[in-house]
Amino acid sequence: VNGQTNCHCDLVDFEEQKYVNFETDYLELFQLTTNLKKTRKPVCIFKALDLEFSYYLLQKNSKKANIILNEQENIFNILDCNSSFLNQLYVNKTKYYQLTNNLEKLSEFSFKALSQSEQLKNKKLELESLKAIVYLFMRLDKDMENWEYVKRAQKIITNFKNDKETASQYIWLAYEYESQYLETGSKSLIDSSYIFANTAK
């Protein structure tokens, strides 16, 4: 029972968290993370660090992102919670290794994150894992091998509700279809790319 209680943070809903534009809402982000840390509850601190990690990732500040990631892992180690927190940690590691271009670690954690996301049926984190694998295969010059992962990502994206966050996913999808068109010359791919790009508007 204590484990269940310790896994709940009243300030945020981990499944339906509010979309924050880190480029324009920095003050809102700072206020939210400060309030989360003030609770002194490990689960709330974990979430605060998650938001901070996303911010520094967007800034491409690998040094700060690494510090936050290590802090988050330390908090995770004292949590008595379900594996959804491990899932988020795996995804964050995946994003960090993508930022720092560590392809060996990226390969290790992207597939770990994907497996964990599938087990938990967490479509949002599954999508992030799939995108990391697509990037990995691109960097390894194995573009043709990543198409099944692009199609899996597409299925998830097209089932999301349309909002600001989903728009950025359609832009990613349009880019991947355009890249595949350049590889194969198939006109249907570039047509789909235009459709996804327009959906993002």
C-alpha atoms as a PDB file:
ATOM      1  CA  VAL A   1       0.000   0.000   0.000  1.00  0.00           C
ATOM      2  CA  ASN A   2       2.817   2.405   0.858  1.00  0.00           C
ATOM      3  CA  GLY A   3       4.391   1.741  -2.529  1.00  0.00           C
ATOM      4  CA  GLN A   4       1.172   2.727  -4.286  1.00  0.00           C
ATOM      5  CA  THR A   5       0.875   5.897  -2.201  1.00  0.00           C
ATOM      6  CA  ASN A   6       4.490   6.869  -2.838  1.00  0.00           C
ATOM      7  CA  CYS A   7       3.938   6.476  -6.579  1.00  0.00           C
ATOM      8  CA  HIS A   8       1.281   9.167  -6.759  1.00  0.00           C
ATOM      9  CA  CYS A   9       2.056  12.854  -7.220  1.00  0.00           C
ATOM     10  CA  ASP A  10      -0.957  15.112  -6.738  1.00  0.00           C
ATOM     11  CA  LEU A  11       0.502  17.921  -8.859  1.00  0.00           C
ATOM     12  CA  VAL A  12       0.713  15.985 -12.130  1.00  0.00           C
ATOM     13  CA  ASP A  13      -1.039  13.249 -14.028  1.00  0.00           C
ATOM     14  CA  PHE A  14       1.643  11.019 -15.490  1.00  0.00           C
ATOM     15  CA  GLU A  15      -0.646   9.622 -18.170  1.00  0.00           C
ATOM     16  CA  GLU A  16      -2.257  12.879 -19.319  1.00  0.00           C
ATOM     17  CA  GLN A  17       0.329  15.516 -18.576  1.00  0.00           C
ATOM     18  CA  LYS A  18      -0.151  19.036 -19.890  1.00  0.00           C
ATOM     19  CA  TYR A  19       1.810  19.906 -23.014  1.00  0.00           C
ATOM     20  CA  VAL A  20       4.448  22.531 -22.259  1.00  0.00           C
ATOM     21  CA  ASN A  21       6.228  24.430 -25.025  1.00  0.00           C
ATOM     22  CA  PHE A  22       9.701  24.672 -23.510  1.00  0.00           C
ATOM     23  CA  GLU A  23      10.729  27.397 -25.972  1.00  0.00           C
ATOM     24  CA  THR A  24       8.043  29.836 -24.875  1.00  0.00           C
ATOM     25  CA  ASP A  25       6.840  28.606 -21.476  1.00  0.00           C
ATOM     26  CA  TYR A  26      10.121  28.537 -19.548  1.00  0.00           C
ATOM     27  CA  LEU A  27       8.649  30.459 -16.587  1.00  0.00           C
ATOM     28  CA  GLU A  28       5.725  28.042 -16.390  1.00  0.00           C
ATOM     29  CA  LEU A  29       8.171  25.145 -16.528  1.00  0.00           C
ATOM     30  CA  PHE A  30      10.323  26.640 -13.779  1.00  0.00           C
ATOM     31  CA  GLN A  31       7.289  27.234 -11.557  1.00  0.00           C
ATOM     32  CA  LEU A  32       6.013  23.692 -12.081  1.00  0.00           C
ATOM     33  CA  THR A  33       9.369  22.011 -11.377  1.00  0.00           C
ATOM     34  CA  THR A  34       9.884  24.184  -8.280  1.00  0.00           C
ATOM     35  CA  ASN A  35       6.456  23.221  -6.925  1.00  0.00           C
ATOM     36  CA  LEU A  36       7.105  19.545  -7.654  1.00  0.00           C
ATOM     37  CA  LYS A  37      10.414  19.586  -5.792  1.00  0.00           C
ATOM     38  CA  LYS A  38       8.879  21.416  -2.831  1.00  0.00           C
ATOM     39  CA  THR A  39       6.687  18.394  -2.122  1.00  0.00           C
ATOM     40  CA  ARG A  40       9.860  16.429  -1.218  1.00  0.00           C
ATOM     41  CA  LYS A  41       8.127  13.347  -2.587  1.00  0.00           C
ATOM     42  CA  PRO A  42      10.529  11.258  -4.707  1.00  0.00           C
ATOM     43  CA  VAL A  43       7.853  10.587  -7.325  1.00  0.00           C
ATOM     44  CA  CYS A  44       7.209  14.330  -7.758  1.00  0.00           C
ATOM     45  CA  ILE A  45      10.934  15.071  -7.869  1.00  0.00           C
ATOM     46  CA  PHE A  46      11.309  12.386 -10.551  1.00  0.00           C
ATOM     47  CA  LYS A  47       8.687  14.190 -12.637  1.00  0.00           C
ATOM     48  CA  ALA A  48      10.356  17.580 -12.067  1.00  0.00           C
ATOM     49  CA  LEU A  49      13.668  16.151 -13.270  1.00  0.00           C
ATOM     50  CA  ASP A  50      11.882  14.649 -16.261  1.00  0.00           C
ATOM     51  CA  LEU A  51      10.632  18.088 -17.292  1.00  0.00           C
ATOM     52  CA  GLU A  52      14.058  19.666 -16.735  1.00  0.00           C
ATOM     53  CA  PHE A  53      15.692  16.921 -18.774  1.00  0.00           C
ATOM     54  CA  SER A  54      13.325  17.621 -21.679  1.00  0.00           C
ATOM     55  CA  TYR A  55      14.194  21.323 -21.494  1.00  0.00           C
ATOM     56  CA  TYR A  56      17.974  20.798 -21.578  1.00  0.00           C
ATOM     57  CA  LEU A  57      17.551  18.228 -24.335  1.00  0.00           C
ATOM     58  CA  LEU A  58      15.771  20.838 -26.450  1.00  0.00           C
ATOM     59  CA  GLN A  59      18.634  23.249 -25.720  1.00  0.00           C
ATOM     60  CA  LYS A  60      21.093  20.490 -26.802  1.00  0.00           C
ATOM     61  CA  ASN A  61      22.890  21.005 -23.491  1.00  0.00           C
ATOM     62  CA  SER A  62      24.340  17.511 -23.065  1.00  0.00           C
ATOM     63  CA  LYS A  63      26.276  18.384 -19.902  1.00  0.00           C
ATOM     64  CA  LYS A  64      23.183  19.601 -18.028  1.00  0.00           C
ATOM     65  CA  ALA A  65      21.062  16.792 -19.479  1.00  0.00           C
ATOM     66  CA  ASN A  66      23.546  14.229 -18.173  1.00  0.00           C
ATOM     67  CA  ILE A  67      23.515  15.750 -14.681  1.00  0.00           C
ATOM     68  CA  ILE A  68      19.711  15.695 -14.600  1.00  0.00           C
ATOM     69  CA  LEU A  69      19.612  12.132 -15.948  1.00  0.00           C
ATOM     70  CA  ASN A  70      21.961  10.925 -13.198  1.00  0.00           C
ATOM     71  CA  GLU A  71      19.836  12.671 -10.557  1.00  0.00           C
ATOM     72  CA  GLN A  72      16.716  11.089 -12.001  1.00  0.00           C
ATOM     73  CA  GLU A  73      18.276   7.625 -11.905  1.00  0.00           C
ATOM     74  CA  ASN A  74      19.236   8.158  -8.239  1.00  0.00           C
ATOM     75  CA  ILE A  75      15.627   9.091  -7.446  1.00  0.00           C
ATOM     76  CA  PHE A  76      14.347   6.084  -9.379  1.00  0.00           C
ATOM     77  CA  ASN A  77      16.534   3.792  -7.268  1.00  0.00           C
ATOM     78  CA  ILE A  78      14.695   4.832  -4.084  1.00  0.00           C
ATOM     79  CA  LEU A  79      11.206   4.620  -5.609  1.00  0.00           C
ATOM     80  CA  ASP A  80       8.965   1.698  -4.786  1.00  0.00           C
ATOM     81  CA  CYS A  81       6.917   2.023  -7.943  1.00  0.00           C
ATOM     82  CA  ASN A  82       5.803   0.167 -11.026  1.00  0.00           C
ATOM     83  CA  SER A  83       7.893  -0.167 -14.152  1.00  0.00           C
ATOM     84  CA  SER A  84       6.429   2.897 -15.883  1.00  0.00           C
ATOM     85  CA  PHE A  85       9.139   4.971 -14.201  1.00  0.00           C
ATOM     86  CA  LEU A  86      11.806   2.597 -15.517  1.00  0.00           C
ATOM     87  CA  ASN A  87      10.223   2.962 -18.954  1.00  0.00           C
ATOM     88  CA  GLN A  88      10.587   6.758 -18.781  1.00  0.00           C
ATOM     89  CA  LEU A  89      14.186   6.431 -17.591  1.00  0.00           C
ATOM     90  CA  TYR A  90      15.037   4.138 -20.517  1.00  0.00           C
ATOM     91  CA  VAL A  91      13.478   6.593 -22.975  1.00  0.00           C
ATOM     92  CA  ASN A  92      15.424   9.494 -21.443  1.00  0.00           C
ATOM     93  CA  LYS A  93      18.663   7.527 -21.709  1.00  0.00           C
ATOM     94  CA  THR A  94      17.800   6.841 -25.344  1.00  0.00           C
ATOM     95  CA  LYS A  95      17.304  10.553 -26.009  1.00  0.00           C
ATOM     96  CA  TYR A  96      20.548  11.435 -24.231  1.00  0.00           C
ATOM     97  CA  TYR A  97      22.608   8.934 -26.208  1.00  0.00           C
ATOM     98  CA  GLN A  98      21.016  10.194 -29.408  1.00  0.00           C
ATOM     99  CA  LEU A  99      22.013  13.745 -28.469  1.00  0.00           C
ATOM    100  CA  THR A 100      25.599  12.690 -27.703  1.00  0.00           C
ATOM    101  CA  ASN A 101      25.784  10.424 -30.765  1.00  0.00           C
ATOM    102  CA  ASN A 102      26.688   7.340 -28.725  1.00  0.00           C
ATOM    103  CA  LEU A 103      25.302   4.780 -31.167  1.00  0.00           C
ATOM    104  CA  GLU A 104      26.279   1.729 -29.114  1.00  0.00           C
ATOM    105  CA  LYS A 105      24.388   2.936 -26.041  1.00  0.00           C
ATOM    106  CA  LEU A 106      21.578   4.255 -28.221  1.00  0.00           C
ATOM    107  CA  SER A 107      21.113   0.779 -29.681  1.00  0.00           C
ATOM    108  CA  GLU A 108      21.090  -0.796 -26.218  1.00  0.00           C
ATOM    109  CA  PHE A 109      18.564   1.545 -24.621  1.00  0.00           C
ATOM    110  CA  SER A 110      16.286   2.216 -27.602  1.00  0.00           C
ATOM    111  CA  PHE A 111      15.380  -1.460 -27.830  1.00  0.00           C
ATOM    112  CA  LYS A 112      15.102  -1.745 -24.033  1.00  0.00           C
ATOM    113  CA  ALA A 113      12.768   1.256 -24.051  1.00  0.00           C
ATOM    114  CA  LEU A 114      10.725  -0.211 -26.895  1.00  0.00           C
ATOM    115  CA  SER A 115      10.333  -3.563 -25.129  1.00  0.00           C
ATOM    116  CA  GLN A 116       9.299  -1.881 -21.875  1.00  0.00           C
ATOM    117  CA  SER A 117       6.841   0.425 -23.654  1.00  0.00           C
ATOM    118  CA  GLU A 118       5.225  -2.511 -25.435  1.00  0.00           C
ATOM    119  CA  GLN A 119       4.825  -4.438 -22.173  1.00  0.00           C
ATOM    120  CA  LEU A 120       3.180  -1.435 -20.500  1.00  0.00           C
ATOM    121  CA  LYS A 121       1.174  -0.491 -23.607  1.00  0.00           C
ATOM    122  CA  ASN A 122       2.478   3.075 -23.270  1.00  0.00           C
ATOM    123  CA  LYS A 123       2.006   4.388 -26.800  1.00  0.00           C
ATOM    124  CA  LYS A 124       3.632   7.755 -26.152  1.00  0.00           C
ATOM    125  CA  LEU A 125       6.906   6.218 -24.942  1.00  0.00           C
ATOM    126  CA  GLU A 126       6.689   3.473 -27.553  1.00  0.00           C
ATOM    127  CA  LEU A 127       6.636   6.204 -30.202  1.00  0.00           C
ATOM    128  CA  GLU A 128       9.716   7.884 -28.733  1.00  0.00           C
ATOM    129  CA  SER A 129      11.502   4.515 -28.729  1.00  0.00           C
ATOM    130  CA  LEU A 130      10.560   3.834 -32.347  1.00  0.00           C
ATOM    131  CA  LYS A 131      11.799   7.259 -33.457  1.00  0.00           C
ATOM    132  CA  ALA A 132      15.122   6.625 -31.728  1.00  0.00           C
ATOM    133  CA  ILE A 133      15.488   3.292 -33.558  1.00  0.00           C
ATOM    134  CA  VAL A 134      14.721   4.991 -36.885  1.00  0.00           C
ATOM    135  CA  TYR A 135      17.444   7.550 -36.142  1.00  0.00           C
ATOM    136  CA  LEU A 136      19.849   4.756 -35.162  1.00  0.00           C
ATOM    137  CA  PHE A 137      19.366   2.867 -38.435  1.00  0.00           C
ATOM    138  CA  MET A 138      19.736   6.107 -40.376  1.00  0.00           C
ATOM    139  CA  ARG A 139      23.082   6.805 -38.709  1.00  0.00           C
ATOM    140  CA  LEU A 140      24.198   3.228 -39.440  1.00  0.00           C
ATOM    141  CA  ASP A 141      23.253   3.710 -43.140  1.00  0.00           C
ATOM    142  CA  LYS A 142      20.546   1.077 -42.816  1.00  0.00           C
ATOM    143  CA  ASP A 143      17.648   3.245 -43.945  1.00  0.00           C
ATOM    144  CA  MET A 144      15.788   0.367 -45.596  1.00  0.00           C
ATOM    145  CA  GLU A 145      15.714  -1.565 -42.314  1.00  0.00           C
ATOM    146  CA  ASN A 146      13.971   1.205 -40.433  1.00  0.00           C
ATOM    147  CA  TRP A 147      10.827   1.324 -42.585  1.00  0.00           C
ATOM    148  CA  GLU A 148       8.913  -1.163 -40.431  1.00  0.00           C
ATOM    149  CA  TYR A 149       9.587   1.084 -37.416  1.00  0.00           C
ATOM    150  CA  VAL A 150       8.435   4.176 -39.332  1.00  0.00           C
ATOM    151  CA  LYS A 151       5.186   2.388 -40.202  1.00  0.00           C
ATOM    152  CA  ARG A 152       4.694   1.359 -36.570  1.00  0.00           C
ATOM    153  CA  ALA A 153       5.269   4.958 -35.509  1.00  0.00           C
ATOM    154  CA  GLN A 154       2.794   6.144 -38.133  1.00  0.00           C
ATOM    155  CA  LYS A 155       0.083   3.890 -36.729  1.00  0.00           C
ATOM    156  CA  ILE A 156       0.574   5.399 -33.272  1.00  0.00           C
ATOM    157  CA  ILE A 157       0.732   9.012 -34.499  1.00  0.00           C
ATOM    158  CA  THR A 158      -2.436   8.783 -36.600  1.00  0.00           C
ATOM    159  CA  ASN A 159      -4.347   7.507 -33.559  1.00  0.00           C
ATOM    160  CA  PHE A 160      -3.284  10.440 -31.359  1.00  0.00           C
ATOM    161  CA  LYS A 161      -5.638  13.357 -30.853  1.00  0.00           C
ATOM    162  CA  ASN A 162      -4.615  16.434 -32.815  1.00  0.00           C
ATOM    163  CA  ASP A 163      -2.768  19.003 -30.703  1.00  0.00           C
ATOM    164  CA  LYS A 164       0.498  20.971 -30.761  1.00  0.00           C
ATOM    165  CA  GLU A 165       2.532  17.970 -29.732  1.00  0.00           C
ATOM    166  CA  THR A 166       0.975  15.722 -32.381  1.00  0.00           C
ATOM    167  CA  ALA A 167       1.700  18.317 -35.078  1.00  0.00           C
ATOM    168  CA  SER A 168       5.436  17.918 -34.494  1.00  0.00           C
ATOM    169  CA  GLN A 169       5.041  14.145 -34.882  1.00  0.00           C
ATOM    170  CA  TYR A 170       3.394  14.616 -38.292  1.00  0.00           C
ATOM    171  CA  ILE A 171       6.324  16.800 -39.351  1.00  0.00           C
ATOM    172  CA  TRP A 172       8.689  13.975 -38.363  1.00  0.00           C
ATOM    173  CA  LEU A 173       6.550  11.498 -40.291  1.00  0.00           C
ATOM    174  CA  ALA A 174       6.538  13.731 -43.394  1.00  0.00           C
ATOM    175  CA  TYR A 175      10.341  13.928 -43.260  1.00  0.00           C
ATOM    176  CA  GLU A 176      10.694  10.129 -42.990  1.00  0.00           C
ATOM    177  CA  TYR A 177       8.394   9.594 -45.979  1.00  0.00           C
ATOM    178  CA  GLU A 178      10.339  12.145 -47.999  1.00  0.00           C
ATOM    179  CA  SER A 179      13.606  10.390 -47.092  1.00  0.00           C
ATOM    180  CA  GLN A 180      12.144   7.047 -48.183  1.00  0.00           C
ATOM    181  CA  TYR A 181      10.998   8.644 -51.455  1.00  0.00           C
ATOM    182  CA  LEU A 182      14.558   9.825 -52.129  1.00  0.00           C
ATOM    183  CA  GLU A 183      15.734   6.242 -51.563  1.00  0.00           C
ATOM    184  CA  THR A 184      13.125   4.522 -53.734  1.00  0.00           C
ATOM    185  CA  GLY A 185      11.646   7.140 -56.088  1.00  0.00           C
ATOM    186  CA  SER A 186       8.126   5.930 -55.304  1.00  0.00           C
ATOM    187  CA  LYS A 187       5.688   8.784 -56.016  1.00  0.00           C
ATOM    188  CA  SER A 188       3.143   7.522 -53.475  1.00  0.00           C
ATOM    189  CA  LEU A 189       5.691   8.193 -50.715  1.00  0.00           C
ATOM    190  CA  ILE A 190       6.166  11.866 -51.613  1.00  0.00           C
ATOM    191  CA  ASP A 191       2.376  12.243 -51.904  1.00  0.00           C
ATOM    192  CA  SER A 192       2.023  10.849 -48.378  1.00  0.00           C
ATOM    193  CA  SER A 193       4.775  13.174 -47.192  1.00  0.00           C
ATOM    194  CA  TYR A 194       2.783  16.198 -48.434  1.00  0.00           C
ATOM    195  CA  ILE A 195      -0.358  14.914 -46.730  1.00  0.00           C
ATOM    196  CA  PHE A 196       1.413  14.501 -43.387  1.00  0.00           C
ATOM    197  CA  ALA A 197       3.061  17.925 -43.700  1.00  0.00           C
ATOM    198  CA  ASN A 198      -0.334  19.531 -44.339  1.00  0.00           C
ATOM    199  CA  THR A 199      -1.864  17.655 -41.399  1.00  0.00           C
ATOM    200  CA  ALA A 200       0.745  19.286 -39.166  1.00  0.00           C
ATOM    201  CA  LYS A 201      -0.424  22.785 -40.100  1.00  0.00           C
END
